[in-house]
Protein backbone atom coordinates (compact mmCIF):
# COMPACT_ATOMS: atom_id res chain seq x y z
CA MET A 1 99.07 132.98 28.06
CA LYS A 2 99.15 135.89 30.17
CA ARG A 3 102.21 137.31 28.70
CA LEU A 4 100.70 137.44 25.50
CA ARG A 5 97.66 139.30 27.06
CA VAL A 6 99.87 141.99 28.29
CA ILE A 7 101.70 142.28 25.02
CA ALA A 8 98.23 142.45 23.18
CA VAL A 9 96.87 145.02 25.50
CA LEU A 10 100.08 147.24 25.22
CA ILE A 11 99.89 147.11 21.32
CA ALA A 12 96.12 147.93 21.51
CA ILE A 13 96.75 150.71 23.86
CA MET A 14 99.25 152.35 21.58
CA ILE A 15 96.79 152.13 18.78
CA THR A 16 93.73 153.24 20.58
CA ALA A 17 94.62 155.57 23.58
CA PHE A 18 95.96 158.38 21.23
CA ASP A 19 93.55 157.62 18.42
CA PRO A 20 89.94 157.99 19.94
CA SER A 21 88.51 157.44 16.10
CA ARG A 22 89.72 153.96 16.10
CA ALA A 23 88.24 152.87 19.37
CA ALA A 24 84.84 151.66 17.84
CA ALA A 25 86.51 149.12 15.67
CA ARG A 26 84.74 145.96 16.10
CA VAL A 27 86.42 142.62 16.99
CA GLN A 28 84.79 139.90 14.98
CA LEU A 29 84.43 137.00 17.44
CA PRO A 30 81.35 134.42 17.76
CA GLN A 31 78.81 136.03 20.19
CA PRO A 32 75.94 135.12 22.07
CA THR A 33 72.53 135.93 21.06
CA CYS A 34 72.55 138.37 23.67
CA ALA A 35 75.61 140.44 22.98
CA ARG A 36 74.33 143.55 21.19
CA PHE A 37 73.06 146.75 22.93
CA ASP A 38 70.55 147.35 19.96
CA GLY A 39 69.03 143.45 20.33
CA PRO A 40 67.66 141.28 23.12
CA LEU A 41 68.80 140.47 26.53
CA CYS A 42 69.75 137.25 28.06
CA SER A 43 67.19 136.73 30.70
CA VAL A 44 67.57 134.73 33.99
CA SER A 45 65.17 134.43 37.11
CA LEU A 46 67.25 134.75 40.30
CA ARG A 47 67.06 133.32 43.65
CA THR A 48 66.47 136.92 44.99
CA GLY A 49 63.20 137.23 43.72
CA VAL A 50 63.94 139.29 40.28
CA THR A 51 64.27 138.30 36.43
CA MET A 52 67.49 140.12 35.62
CA ARG A 53 68.26 140.89 32.07
CA TYR A 54 71.77 141.21 30.95
CA LEU A 55 74.14 141.46 28.10
CA ASP A 56 76.71 138.63 27.69
CA ILE A 57 79.50 139.60 25.42
CA GLY A 58 82.75 137.56 24.69
CA PRO A 59 84.04 134.17 24.70
CA ALA A 60 81.96 131.90 27.11
CA ALA A 61 85.07 130.38 28.69
CA GLY A 62 87.09 133.79 29.17
CA PRO A 63 87.78 135.48 32.36
CA VAL A 64 84.83 137.54 33.39
CA THR A 65 84.55 141.22 33.67
CA VAL A 66 81.06 142.63 35.13
CA LEU A 67 79.91 146.29 34.37
CA LEU A 68 77.55 147.91 36.81
CA HIS A 69 75.64 151.10 35.56
CA GLY A 70 74.31 154.19 37.78
CA PHE A 71 71.09 154.93 39.11
CA ALA A 72 68.07 154.97 36.66
CA ASP A 73 70.51 153.95 33.91
CA SER A 74 70.61 150.86 31.94
CA VAL A 75 73.01 148.75 29.97
CA GLN A 76 73.16 151.33 27.81
CA SER A 77 75.60 153.23 29.85
CA TRP A 78 78.21 151.22 28.66
CA SER A 79 77.40 151.13 24.89
CA LEU A 80 80.41 153.43 24.20
CA VAL A 81 82.79 151.75 26.53
CA VAL A 82 82.42 148.34 25.46
CA PRO A 83 83.82 148.69 21.75
CA THR A 84 87.25 149.65 23.00
CA LEU A 85 87.25 147.16 25.90
CA ARG A 86 86.69 144.12 23.40
CA ARG A 87 89.57 145.67 21.29
CA LEU A 88 91.83 145.83 24.02
CA MET A 89 90.64 142.42 25.80
CA PRO A 90 88.94 140.24 22.96
CA TRP A 91 89.43 137.03 25.43
CA GLU A 92 87.54 138.83 28.05
CA ARG A 93 83.78 137.95 28.66
CA LEU A 94 81.65 140.95 29.77
CA LEU A 95 78.69 140.38 31.81
CA ILE A 96 76.40 143.83 31.62
CA PRO A 97 73.39 143.49 33.87
CA ASP A 98 70.32 146.09 34.02
CA LEU A 99 70.10 146.34 37.82
CA ARG A 100 67.09 145.43 39.77
CA GLY A 101 64.16 147.92 38.78
CA HIS A 102 66.26 149.13 35.83
CA GLY A 103 66.09 148.86 32.37
CA ASP A 104 64.34 145.43 31.45
CA THR A 105 65.16 143.75 34.85
CA THR A 106 62.20 143.67 37.34
CA GLN A 107 61.53 145.00 40.61
CA PRO A 108 61.21 142.52 43.52
CA PRO A 109 57.46 141.39 44.24
CA ALA A 110 55.53 144.09 45.33
CA THR A 111 53.85 141.91 47.97
CA ARG A 112 57.20 142.03 49.72
CA CYS A 113 58.61 145.12 48.84
CA ALA A 114 55.50 147.87 47.89
CA ALA A 115 55.00 149.37 51.85
CA VAL A 116 58.56 149.33 52.28
CA PRO A 117 60.53 149.94 49.44
CA ASP A 118 63.86 150.78 51.32
CA ARG A 119 64.09 147.37 52.41
CA CYS A 120 64.41 146.11 49.03
CA PHE A 121 66.82 148.35 47.12
CA ARG A 122 69.64 148.44 49.77
CA PRO A 123 73.41 148.29 48.31
CA VAL A 124 73.19 144.72 49.59
CA ASP A 125 70.27 143.81 47.50
CA TYR A 126 71.89 144.94 44.32
CA ALA A 127 75.13 143.08 45.33
CA ASP A 128 73.12 139.68 46.02
CA ASP A 129 71.78 140.13 42.66
CA VAL A 130 75.16 140.25 40.78
CA LEU A 131 76.39 137.48 42.99
CA ALA A 132 73.06 135.38 42.30
CA LEU A 133 74.06 136.33 38.24
CA LEU A 134 77.68 135.06 38.63
CA ASP A 135 76.21 132.02 40.34
CA ALA A 136 73.93 131.11 37.51
CA GLU A 137 76.40 131.86 35.06
CA HIS A 138 78.84 129.43 37.05
CA VAL A 139 81.56 132.45 37.36
CA ALA A 140 83.71 131.93 40.59
CA ARG A 141 85.58 135.01 40.40
CA ALA A 142 85.12 138.41 38.21
CA ALA A 143 86.43 141.79 38.06
CA ILE A 144 83.73 144.43 38.85
CA VAL A 145 83.47 147.84 37.02
CA GLY A 146 80.94 150.07 38.26
CA HIS A 147 79.70 153.66 37.70
CA SER A 148 78.18 155.88 40.10
CA VAL A 149 75.52 153.96 42.40
CA GLY A 150 76.93 150.78 40.76
CA THR A 151 80.24 151.65 42.32
CA LEU A 152 78.19 151.33 45.80
CA VAL A 153 77.24 148.10 44.62
CA ALA A 154 80.59 147.20 43.56
CA GLN A 155 81.78 148.29 46.93
CA GLU A 156 79.37 145.95 48.74
CA ILE A 157 80.36 142.98 46.63
CA ALA A 158 84.20 143.58 47.20
CA LEU A 159 83.69 144.11 50.98
CA ASP A 160 81.43 141.16 51.89
CA HIS A 161 82.73 138.77 49.13
CA PRO A 162 86.32 139.79 48.41
CA SER A 163 87.08 136.13 47.24
CA ARG A 164 84.59 136.70 44.25
CA VAL A 165 86.47 139.62 43.19
CA THR A 166 89.73 140.03 41.36
CA ARG A 167 89.92 143.77 40.78
CA LEU A 168 87.56 146.55 41.30
CA VAL A 169 87.43 149.92 39.17
CA LEU A 170 85.07 152.50 40.66
CA VAL A 171 84.20 155.14 37.97
CA SER A 172 82.69 158.40 39.65
CA THR A 173 82.45 157.24 42.95
CA ALA A 174 82.76 157.90 46.61
CA ALA A 175 82.67 156.31 50.01
CA ASP A 176 79.16 157.59 50.75
CA GLY A 177 75.99 158.93 49.28
CA GLN A 178 75.37 161.67 51.37
CA GLU A 179 76.00 164.39 49.22
CA PRO A 180 73.70 167.66 48.45
CA LEU A 181 72.59 166.94 45.31
CA VAL A 182 71.44 163.04 46.22
CA GLU A 183 69.50 164.52 49.20
CA ALA A 184 67.66 166.93 46.99
CA VAL A 185 66.54 164.43 44.74
CA GLN A 186 65.65 162.07 47.46
CA GLY A 187 64.05 164.53 49.81
CA ALA A 188 62.59 167.80 47.79
CA ILE A 189 61.93 165.79 44.66
CA VAL A 190 61.08 162.03 45.31
CA GLN A 191 59.74 162.25 48.86
CA GLY A 192 58.41 165.80 48.52
CA GLU A 193 57.22 166.82 44.95
CA TRP A 194 56.41 163.57 43.81
CA GLN A 195 54.71 162.38 46.71
CA GLN A 196 52.48 165.29 47.04
CA ASP A 197 51.52 165.01 43.16
CA PHE A 198 50.80 161.17 43.66
CA THR A 199 48.75 161.96 47.03
CA ALA A 200 46.87 164.58 45.35
CA ALA A 201 45.77 162.26 42.74
CA GLY A 202 44.41 159.84 45.28
CA TYR A 203 47.18 157.27 45.54
CA THR A 204 48.69 156.07 48.59
CA TRP A 205 52.29 156.52 49.30
CA PRO A 206 54.70 154.40 48.80
CA ALA A 207 52.43 151.08 48.45
CA GLY A 208 49.97 152.30 45.61
CA VAL A 209 52.71 153.60 43.55
CA TYR A 210 55.29 150.80 43.78
CA ASP A 211 54.84 149.54 40.36
CA LEU A 212 53.84 153.10 38.66
CA THR A 213 56.34 155.36 37.10
CA PRO A 214 56.65 158.81 38.08
CA ALA A 215 55.05 160.14 34.90
CA VAL A 216 51.76 158.95 35.73
CA ALA A 217 51.06 161.90 38.10
CA VAL A 218 54.19 164.16 37.93
CA PRO A 219 53.34 167.06 35.32
CA ASP A 220 56.99 167.70 34.75
CA PHE A 221 58.57 164.45 34.88
CA THR A 222 59.67 164.37 31.41
CA GLU A 223 61.39 167.82 31.56
CA PHE A 224 63.12 166.72 34.90
CA ILE A 225 64.87 163.74 33.06
CA ASP A 226 65.79 165.48 29.81
CA GLU A 227 66.66 168.61 31.38
CA GLN A 228 68.24 168.07 35.07
CA TYR A 229 68.98 164.62 35.64
CA ASP A 230 70.28 162.45 32.67
CA THR A 231 71.94 165.40 31.02
CA SER A 232 75.73 166.19 29.78
CA ALA A 233 77.12 168.87 27.90
CA VAL A 234 79.91 166.28 26.56
CA ALA A 235 77.86 162.95 25.54
CA PRO A 236 76.62 162.51 22.38
CA ALA A 237 72.96 163.02 21.95
CA ASP A 238 71.97 159.84 20.50
CA LEU A 239 73.32 158.06 23.51
CA LEU A 240 71.63 160.83 25.98
CA ALA A 241 68.39 160.11 24.07
CA ARG A 242 68.52 156.38 24.77
CA VAL A 243 69.54 156.72 28.72
CA GLN A 244 66.71 159.11 29.02
CA ALA A 245 64.24 156.95 27.56
CA ASP A 246 65.36 153.95 29.80
CA ALA A 247 65.08 156.61 32.90
CA LYS A 248 61.46 157.40 32.17
CA THR A 249 60.69 153.63 32.78
CA VAL A 250 61.99 153.58 36.16
CA ARG A 251 59.32 152.54 38.64
CA LEU A 252 58.63 154.70 41.72
CA GLY A 253 59.61 151.68 43.91
CA THR A 254 63.02 151.65 42.69
CA TRP A 255 63.22 155.47 42.99
CA ILE A 256 61.99 155.52 46.40
CA GLY A 257 63.81 152.32 47.74
CA THR A 258 67.32 153.32 46.14
CA LEU A 259 67.40 156.96 47.09
CA ASP A 260 66.01 156.18 50.64
CA ASN A 261 69.25 154.00 50.82
CA LEU A 262 71.43 156.09 48.93
CA VAL A 263 71.54 159.13 51.58
CA ILE A 264 72.22 157.03 54.43
CA ALA A 265 74.88 154.74 52.82
CA ASP A 266 78.41 155.21 54.37
CA ASN A 267 81.43 152.75 53.60
CA SER A 268 84.08 155.19 54.63
CA VAL A 269 85.05 152.87 57.70
CA ARG A 270 84.22 149.72 56.06
CA LEU A 271 86.77 150.56 52.83
CA GLU A 272 89.37 150.69 55.21
CA GLN A 273 89.44 146.86 55.34
CA LEU A 274 88.89 146.65 51.50
CA GLY A 275 91.05 143.72 50.18
CA VAL A 276 90.61 143.96 46.51
CA PRO A 277 93.06 145.92 44.58
CA THR A 278 91.13 149.27 43.46
CA LEU A 279 91.20 152.02 40.79
CA VAL A 280 89.12 155.01 41.15
CA LEU A 281 88.32 157.44 38.02
CA TYR A 282 87.01 160.71 39.19
CA ALA A 283 86.19 163.68 36.93
CA VAL A 284 86.95 167.22 38.18
CA GLN A 285 83.34 168.80 37.39
CA ASP A 286 81.50 165.86 38.91
CA ASP A 287 78.45 167.23 40.03
CA VAL A 288 77.09 164.38 42.49
CA PHE A 289 80.47 163.57 44.39
CA SER A 290 82.27 166.46 45.83
CA PRO A 291 85.80 166.74 46.22
CA ASN A 292 85.44 166.76 50.16
CA ALA A 293 83.90 163.30 49.66
CA GLU A 294 86.48 162.06 47.16
CA GLN A 295 89.07 163.18 49.88
CA GLN A 296 87.34 161.11 52.28
CA LEU A 297 87.41 158.28 49.88
CA ILE A 298 91.18 158.50 49.36
CA SER A 299 91.62 158.45 53.03
CA SER A 300 89.59 155.42 53.53
CA LEU A 301 91.81 153.85 50.65
CA ASP A 302 94.90 154.79 52.23
CA VAL A 303 94.14 152.89 55.42
CA ALA A 304 93.47 149.79 53.10
CA ALA A 305 96.70 150.46 51.32
CA SER A 306 98.41 150.33 54.88
CA HIS A 307 96.84 146.90 55.29
CA GLY A 308 98.55 145.67 51.94
CA THR A 309 95.51 146.57 49.35
CA PRO A 310 97.08 148.85 46.84
CA PHE A 311 94.69 151.77 45.13
CA TRP A 312 95.01 154.16 42.01
CA TRP A 313 93.06 157.30 41.91
CA LYS A 314 93.13 159.12 38.85
CA GLN A 315 91.62 162.58 37.67
CA TYR A 316 89.93 163.26 34.38
CA GLY A 317 89.63 166.93 33.32
CA VAL A 318 91.43 169.95 34.32
CA LEU A 319 88.93 172.93 34.39
CA PRO A 320 87.53 173.40 38.15
CA PRO A 321 83.51 174.18 37.73
CA PRO A 322 82.68 177.77 36.80
CA ASP A 323 80.38 179.74 39.01
CA SER A 324 78.00 179.69 36.21
CA GLY A 325 77.09 175.97 36.96
CA GLU A 326 78.15 175.66 32.96
CA GLN A 327 79.68 172.09 32.27
CA THR A 328 83.06 172.92 30.59
CA ASP A 329 85.02 169.61 31.18
CA LEU A 330 84.16 166.36 32.07
CA GLY A 331 81.78 165.16 34.63
CA HIS A 332 80.02 162.56 36.59
CA ASN A 333 78.89 160.47 33.65
CA LEU A 334 82.60 159.48 32.63
CA PRO A 335 81.27 156.36 30.64
CA TRP A 336 79.47 158.43 28.51
CA GLU A 337 81.73 161.49 28.08
CA ALA A 338 85.07 159.87 27.94
CA PRO A 339 84.36 156.46 27.19
CA THR A 340 87.60 155.46 25.37
CA GLY A 341 89.53 156.80 28.60
CA VAL A 342 87.62 154.82 30.68
CA ALA A 343 87.99 151.66 28.68
CA VAL A 344 91.83 152.22 28.24
CA ASP A 345 92.25 152.67 31.83
CA ALA A 346 90.08 149.85 33.16
CA ALA A 347 91.48 147.43 30.72
CA THR A 348 95.05 148.67 31.63
CA PHE A 349 94.48 148.19 35.11
CA LEU A 350 92.75 145.03 34.78
CA VAL A 351 95.34 143.28 33.01
CA LEU A 352 98.51 145.38 33.78
CA GLY A 353 97.68 146.37 37.36
CA GLN A 354 98.02 150.12 36.91
CA PRO A 355 96.08 152.91 34.92
CA THR A 356 97.72 154.90 32.03
CA CYS A 357 99.25 158.47 32.57
CA THR A 358 97.07 159.84 29.67
CA LEU A 359 95.18 163.09 30.80
CA TYR A 360 91.40 162.98 29.35
CA ARG A 361 89.90 166.60 29.26
CA THR A 362 87.68 168.42 26.71
CA ASP A 363 88.98 170.76 24.26
CA TYR A 364 86.89 173.77 25.70
CA PRO A 365 86.05 176.28 24.52
CA THR A 366 87.00 175.34 20.96
CA ASP A 367 84.93 171.98 21.00
CA ILE A 368 83.35 170.51 24.31
CA HIS A 369 82.34 167.48 22.32
CA ARG A 370 86.11 166.69 21.51
CA VAL A 371 87.79 164.41 24.46
CA MET A 372 91.56 165.07 23.98
CA ALA A 373 94.18 162.30 25.10
CA ILE A 374 97.45 164.07 26.24
CA PRO A 375 100.37 161.54 27.28
CA ASN A 376 101.59 161.49 30.63
CA LYS A 377 99.54 164.70 32.00
CA ALA A 378 97.26 162.83 34.15
CA THR A 379 97.14 163.48 37.99
CA VAL A 380 97.34 159.95 39.48
CA ILE A 381 97.37 159.19 43.06
CA HIS A 382 98.89 155.71 44.03
CA VAL A 383 99.59 153.93 47.36
CA GLY A 384 100.69 150.33 47.76
CA ALA A 385 102.74 147.82 45.67
CA GLY A 386 102.89 148.05 42.01
CA PRO A 387 103.77 150.50 39.42
CA ASP A 388 102.36 154.05 39.30
CA CYS A 389 100.98 154.29 35.82
CA LEU A 390 101.51 153.60 32.51
CA GLY A 391 103.64 155.64 30.35
CA ARG A 392 105.40 158.21 32.71
């Protein structure tokens, strides 16, 4: 069976990787009622105190891959990635949750968390929800694919519960969250401007705003999301509209608690003991996690590799960020901007134990919305056992 799966992936990659127009072809298999991005989500009350909504896509008896979105996002972040994953791994069951306080998943109870949101939105709290979901679905082990803040949740699961994780894919990640942009949103915006707006309107902070959205008292909140936060020069406009709409529903408890924890998160030492084979996908114009942060991550994973855990690190894009700040190549939101590449590399790694050697980059300046797949040109770092990358 495993050999047949390998052959199926190799054939599908040859069809899909260099012909993105075919990536969205649907695999016609029986689906649960909550398997559509435009339909209702599954729902389960978890032992952690939240009611989680999630997509359940693929055969119920198949091996499981969990997809974890980034901060202020939702299951919609994976809507362009999943069709290609289904094409490449039709036997796989995909569990895609809205994380706590995001999308349709509830925040933990205000009676416990409103006065101290930072105690309820730690990476370990998010991780406990995911593990509780796996337990509710009777899943012993799963591959974990995370994006942005979802990668810190994925790291937490793999570090504390390595026996539950088969492989780890980290898209737009770092070993810590101590980056200037993260600190600016947490300090200057949320704990600065937004707190001032709400206290001026007569609310207590944070207990009195826990269940409110920023739009209640922040006059420019909509513009902040649409123009500064959930933006991309590469992603399709219809996807941006969906993720921006979801971001506007995230409540202040989640904003405060998650960002307060993100700016102090640091796994650089813990990752030296990582025991799960890992693939990192990083974009050259990532405006959240800096190249210096990426080097720290690579150094930590290099130590883990010396203890027997291999890792692969692959760069997307080639153009360095221009001084103007304009986006000209792939950036932080890779699942929105290069979904075919993310799906192909993730599937290849999960099934074959290696990413592809294909370089994904924009066709800037001709057409920044066109992402090109160039065989055997990717920058890939590989340390540890196993092959380098597929195709070279």
